Amino acid sequence: MYELSEKSKVVIGLWQNTPSPTRDSFTWYISGGLLRILRFRRILKALG
């Protein structure tokens, strides 16, 4: 997953939010250009 994100020049990480009962205290964030993210998601769907 991380190797794939590095190839696609997309950054994946965990972003800490204020803990709330309705939501996890950690939320995934993906940063990089929109086109890179869309291409990365297509690759993930193809693998999944």
PDB file of N, CA and C in Angstrom:
ATOM      1  N   MET A   1       0.835  -1.198   0.000  1.00  0.00           N
ATOM      2  CA  MET A   1       0.000   0.000   0.000  1.00  0.00           C
ATOM      3  C   MET A   1       0.877   1.260   0.000  1.00  0.00           C
ATOM      4  N   TYR A   2       1.826   1.315   0.928  1.00  0.00           N
ATOM      5  CA  TYR A   2       2.677   2.502   0.995  1.00  0.00           C
ATOM      6  C   TYR A   2       3.608   2.597  -0.199  1.00  0.00           C
ATOM      7  N   GLU A   3       4.115   1.441  -0.674  1.00  0.00           N
ATOM      8  CA  GLU A   3       4.971   1.456  -1.862  1.00  0.00           C
ATOM      9  C   GLU A   3       4.189   1.977  -3.061  1.00  0.00           C
ATOM     10  N   LEU A   4       2.949   1.528  -3.175  1.00  0.00           N
ATOM     11  CA  LEU A   4       2.090   1.963  -4.271  1.00  0.00           C
ATOM     12  C   LEU A   4       1.842   3.465  -4.188  1.00  0.00           C
ATOM     13  N   SER A   5       1.605   3.959  -2.980  1.00  0.00           N
ATOM     14  CA  SER A   5       1.356   5.395  -2.821  1.00  0.00           C
ATOM     15  C   SER A   5       2.596   6.212  -3.176  1.00  0.00           C
ATOM     16  N   GLU A   6       3.778   5.679  -2.860  1.00  0.00           N
ATOM     17  CA  GLU A   6       5.004   6.399  -3.211  1.00  0.00           C
ATOM     18  C   GLU A   6       5.186   6.453  -4.721  1.00  0.00           C
ATOM     19  N   LYS A   7       4.859   5.364  -5.409  1.00  0.00           N
ATOM     20  CA  LYS A   7       4.959   5.352  -6.870  1.00  0.00           C
ATOM     21  C   LYS A   7       4.001   6.365  -7.484  1.00  0.00           C
ATOM     22  N   SER A   8       2.822   6.496  -6.881  1.00  0.00           N
ATOM     23  CA  SER A   8       1.806   7.413  -7.403  1.00  0.00           C
ATOM     24  C   SER A   8       2.011   8.833  -6.897  1.00  0.00           C
ATOM     25  N   LYS A   9       3.034   9.047  -6.083  1.00  0.00           N
ATOM     26  CA  LYS A   9       3.322  10.367  -5.504  1.00  0.00           C
ATOM     27  C   LYS A   9       2.139  10.888  -4.685  1.00  0.00           C
ATOM     28  N   VAL A  10       1.519   9.966  -3.927  1.00  0.00           N
ATOM     29  CA  VAL A  10       0.387  10.317  -3.074  1.00  0.00           C
ATOM     30  C   VAL A  10       0.806  10.035  -1.637  1.00  0.00           C
ATOM     31  N   VAL A  11       0.440  10.910  -0.728  1.00  0.00           N
ATOM     32  CA  VAL A  11       0.788  10.730   0.674  1.00  0.00           C
ATOM     33  C   VAL A  11      -0.425  10.203   1.426  1.00  0.00           C
ATOM     34  N   ILE A  12      -0.232   9.091   2.142  1.00  0.00           N
ATOM     35  CA  ILE A  12      -1.315   8.524   2.945  1.00  0.00           C
ATOM     36  C   ILE A  12      -0.872   8.579   4.397  1.00  0.00           C
ATOM     37  N   GLY A  13      -1.750   8.991   5.275  1.00  0.00           N
ATOM     38  CA  GLY A  13      -1.373   9.036   6.677  1.00  0.00           C
ATOM     39  C   GLY A  13      -2.594   9.115   7.563  1.00  0.00           C
ATOM     40  N   LEU A  14      -2.342   9.159   8.850  1.00  0.00           N
ATOM     41  CA  LEU A  14      -3.428   9.297   9.811  1.00  0.00           C
ATOM     42  C   LEU A  14      -3.419  10.714  10.355  1.00  0.00           C
ATOM     43  N   TRP A  15      -4.591  11.301  10.453  1.00  0.00           N
ATOM     44  CA  TRP A  15      -4.732  12.659  10.943  1.00  0.00           C
ATOM     45  C   TRP A  15      -5.522  12.578  12.238  1.00  0.00           C
ATOM     46  N   GLN A  16      -4.954  13.077  13.329  1.00  0.00           N
ATOM     47  CA  GLN A  16      -5.644  12.961  14.615  1.00  0.00           C
ATOM     48  C   GLN A  16      -6.672  14.072  14.788  1.00  0.00           C
ATOM     49  N   ASN A  17      -7.892  13.670  15.066  1.00  0.00           N
ATOM     50  CA  ASN A  17      -8.977  14.620  15.328  1.00  0.00           C
ATOM     51  C   ASN A  17      -9.258  14.636  16.822  1.00  0.00           C
ATOM     52  N   THR A  18     -10.137  15.526  17.240  1.00  0.00           N
ATOM     53  CA  THR A  18     -10.579  15.479  18.625  1.00  0.00           C
ATOM     54  C   THR A  18     -11.467  14.249  18.752  1.00  0.00           C
ATOM     55  N   PRO A  19     -11.245  13.417  19.745  1.00  0.00           N
ATOM     56  CA  PRO A  19     -12.049  12.196  19.879  1.00  0.00           C
ATOM     57  C   PRO A  19     -13.526  12.526  20.078  1.00  0.00           C
ATOM     58  N   SER A  20     -14.374  11.811  19.398  1.00  0.00           N
ATOM     59  CA  SER A  20     -15.815  11.983  19.567  1.00  0.00           C
ATOM     60  C   SER A  20     -16.453  10.602  19.551  1.00  0.00           C
ATOM     61  N   PRO A  21     -17.589  10.442  20.204  1.00  0.00           N
ATOM     62  CA  PRO A  21     -18.217   9.111  20.273  1.00  0.00           C
ATOM     63  C   PRO A  21     -18.682   8.583  18.919  1.00  0.00           C
ATOM     64  N   THR A  22     -18.955   9.493  17.980  1.00  0.00           N
ATOM     65  CA  THR A  22     -19.489   9.047  16.691  1.00  0.00           C
ATOM     66  C   THR A  22     -18.403   8.754  15.681  1.00  0.00           C
ATOM     67  N   ARG A  23     -17.172   9.159  15.982  1.00  0.00           N
ATOM     68  CA  ARG A  23     -16.119   9.036  14.986  1.00  0.00           C
ATOM     69  C   ARG A  23     -14.826   8.560  15.626  1.00  0.00           C
ATOM     70  N   ASP A  24     -14.065   7.811  14.885  1.00  0.00           N
ATOM     71  CA  ASP A  24     -12.739   7.391  15.334  1.00  0.00           C
ATOM     72  C   ASP A  24     -11.897   8.619  15.644  1.00  0.00           C
ATOM     73  N   SER A  25     -10.941   8.483  16.534  1.00  0.00           N
ATOM     74  CA  SER A  25     -10.077   9.626  16.838  1.00  0.00           C
ATOM     75  C   SER A  25      -9.040   9.838  15.741  1.00  0.00           C
ATOM     76  N   PHE A  26      -8.891   8.844  14.874  1.00  0.00           N
ATOM     77  CA  PHE A  26      -7.959   8.980  13.752  1.00  0.00           C
ATOM     78  C   PHE A  26      -8.730   8.895  12.447  1.00  0.00           C
ATOM     79  N   THR A  27      -8.413   9.763  11.536  1.00  0.00           N
ATOM     80  CA  THR A  27      -9.051   9.767  10.227  1.00  0.00           C
ATOM     81  C   THR A  27      -7.960   9.685   9.180  1.00  0.00           C
ATOM     82  N   TRP A  28      -8.201   8.852   8.160  1.00  0.00           N
ATOM     83  CA  TRP A  28      -7.221   8.754   7.084  1.00  0.00           C
ATOM     84  C   TRP A  28      -7.247  10.023   6.255  1.00  0.00           C
ATOM     85  N   TYR A  29      -6.096  10.474   5.855  1.00  0.00           N
ATOM     86  CA  TYR A  29      -6.047  11.587   4.910  1.00  0.00           C
ATOM     87  C   TYR A  29      -5.140  11.191   3.757  1.00  0.00           C
ATOM     88  N   ILE A  30      -5.492  11.631   2.596  1.00  0.00           N
ATOM     89  CA  ILE A  30      -4.691  11.388   1.404  1.00  0.00           C
ATOM     90  C   ILE A  30      -4.387  12.747   0.800  1.00  0.00           C
ATOM     91  N   SER A  31      -3.116  13.036   0.598  1.00  0.00           N
ATOM     92  CA  SER A  31      -2.761  14.309  -0.016  1.00  0.00           C
ATOM     93  C   SER A  31      -1.886  14.076  -1.225  1.00  0.00           C
ATOM     94  N   GLY A  32      -1.908  15.027  -2.105  1.00  0.00           N
ATOM     95  CA  GLY A  32      -1.225  14.906  -3.388  1.00  0.00           C
ATOM     96  C   GLY A  32      -2.170  15.591  -4.359  1.00  0.00           C
ATOM     97  N   GLY A  33      -1.837  15.739  -5.592  1.00  0.00           N
ATOM     98  CA  GLY A  33      -2.752  16.385  -6.527  1.00  0.00           C
ATOM     99  C   GLY A  33      -4.019  15.566  -6.721  1.00  0.00           C
ATOM    100  N   LEU A  34      -5.099  16.221  -7.077  1.00  0.00           N
ATOM    101  CA  LEU A  34      -6.364  15.534  -7.305  1.00  0.00           C
ATOM    102  C   LEU A  34      -6.231  14.454  -8.372  1.00  0.00           C
ATOM    103  N   LEU A  35      -5.540  14.753  -9.456  1.00  0.00           N
ATOM    104  CA  LEU A  35      -5.367  13.757 -10.519  1.00  0.00           C
ATOM    105  C   LEU A  35      -4.574  12.555 -10.025  1.00  0.00           C
ATOM    106  N   ARG A  36      -3.561  12.809  -9.213  1.00  0.00           N
ATOM    107  CA  ARG A  36      -2.773  11.706  -8.656  1.00  0.00           C
ATOM    108  C   ARG A  36      -3.626  10.833  -7.762  1.00  0.00           C
ATOM    109  N   ILE A  37      -4.481  11.473  -6.944  1.00  0.00           N
ATOM    110  CA  ILE A  37      -5.344  10.722  -6.037  1.00  0.00           C
ATOM    111  C   ILE A  37      -6.333   9.874  -6.825  1.00  0.00           C
ATOM    112  N   LEU A  38      -6.931  10.461  -7.866  1.00  0.00           N
ATOM    113  CA  LEU A  38      -7.877   9.700  -8.680  1.00  0.00           C
ATOM    114  C   LEU A  38      -7.197   8.516  -9.350  1.00  0.00           C
ATOM    115  N   ARG A  39      -5.992   8.724  -9.855  1.00  0.00           N
ATOM    116  CA  ARG A  39      -5.254   7.633 -10.491  1.00  0.00           C
ATOM    117  C   ARG A  39      -4.922   6.555  -9.459  1.00  0.00           C
ATOM    118  N   PHE A  40      -4.541   6.975  -8.254  1.00  0.00           N
ATOM    119  CA  PHE A  40      -4.216   6.045  -7.175  1.00  0.00           C
ATOM    120  C   PHE A  40      -5.443   5.212  -6.801  1.00  0.00           C
ATOM    121  N   ARG A  41      -6.613   5.864  -6.736  1.00  0.00           N
ATOM    122  CA  ARG A  41      -7.839   5.140  -6.395  1.00  0.00           C
ATOM    123  C   ARG A  41      -8.185   4.121  -7.472  1.00  0.00           C
ATOM    124  N   ARG A  42      -7.955   4.478  -8.737  1.00  0.00           N
ATOM    125  CA  ARG A  42      -8.200   3.522  -9.829  1.00  0.00           C
ATOM    126  C   ARG A  42      -7.303   2.300  -9.684  1.00  0.00           C
ATOM    127  N   ILE A  43      -6.042   2.520  -9.319  1.00  0.00           N
ATOM    128  CA  ILE A  43      -5.108   1.405  -9.126  1.00  0.00           C
ATOM    129  C   ILE A  43      -5.592   0.525  -7.975  1.00  0.00           C
ATOM    130  N   LEU A  44      -6.026   1.145  -6.884  1.00  0.00           N
ATOM    131  CA  LEU A  44      -6.510   0.376  -5.737  1.00  0.00           C
ATOM    132  C   LEU A  44      -7.730  -0.455  -6.107  1.00  0.00           C
ATOM    133  N   LYS A  45      -8.666   0.130  -6.859  1.00  0.00           N
ATOM    134  CA  LYS A  45      -9.854  -0.618  -7.283  1.00  0.00           C
ATOM    135  C   LYS A  45      -9.470  -1.787  -8.168  1.00  0.00           C
ATOM    136  N   ALA A  46      -8.492  -1.581  -9.042  1.00  0.00           N
ATOM    137  CA  ALA A  46      -8.044  -2.654  -9.930  1.00  0.00           C
ATOM    138  C   ALA A  46      -7.437  -3.797  -9.115  1.00  0.00           C
ATOM    139  N   LEU A  47      -6.731  -3.460  -8.045  1.00  0.00           N
ATOM    140  CA  LEU A  47      -6.119  -4.486  -7.201  1.00  0.00           C
ATOM    141  C   LEU A  47      -7.155  -5.181  -6.330  1.00  0.00           C
ATOM    142  N   GLY A  48      -8.133  -4.395  -5.854  1.00  0.00           N
ATOM    143  CA  GLY A  48      -9.125  -4.915  -4.922  1.00  0.00           C
ATOM    144  C   GLY A  48     -10.125  -5.780  -5.590  1.00  0.00           C
TER     145      GLY A  48
END
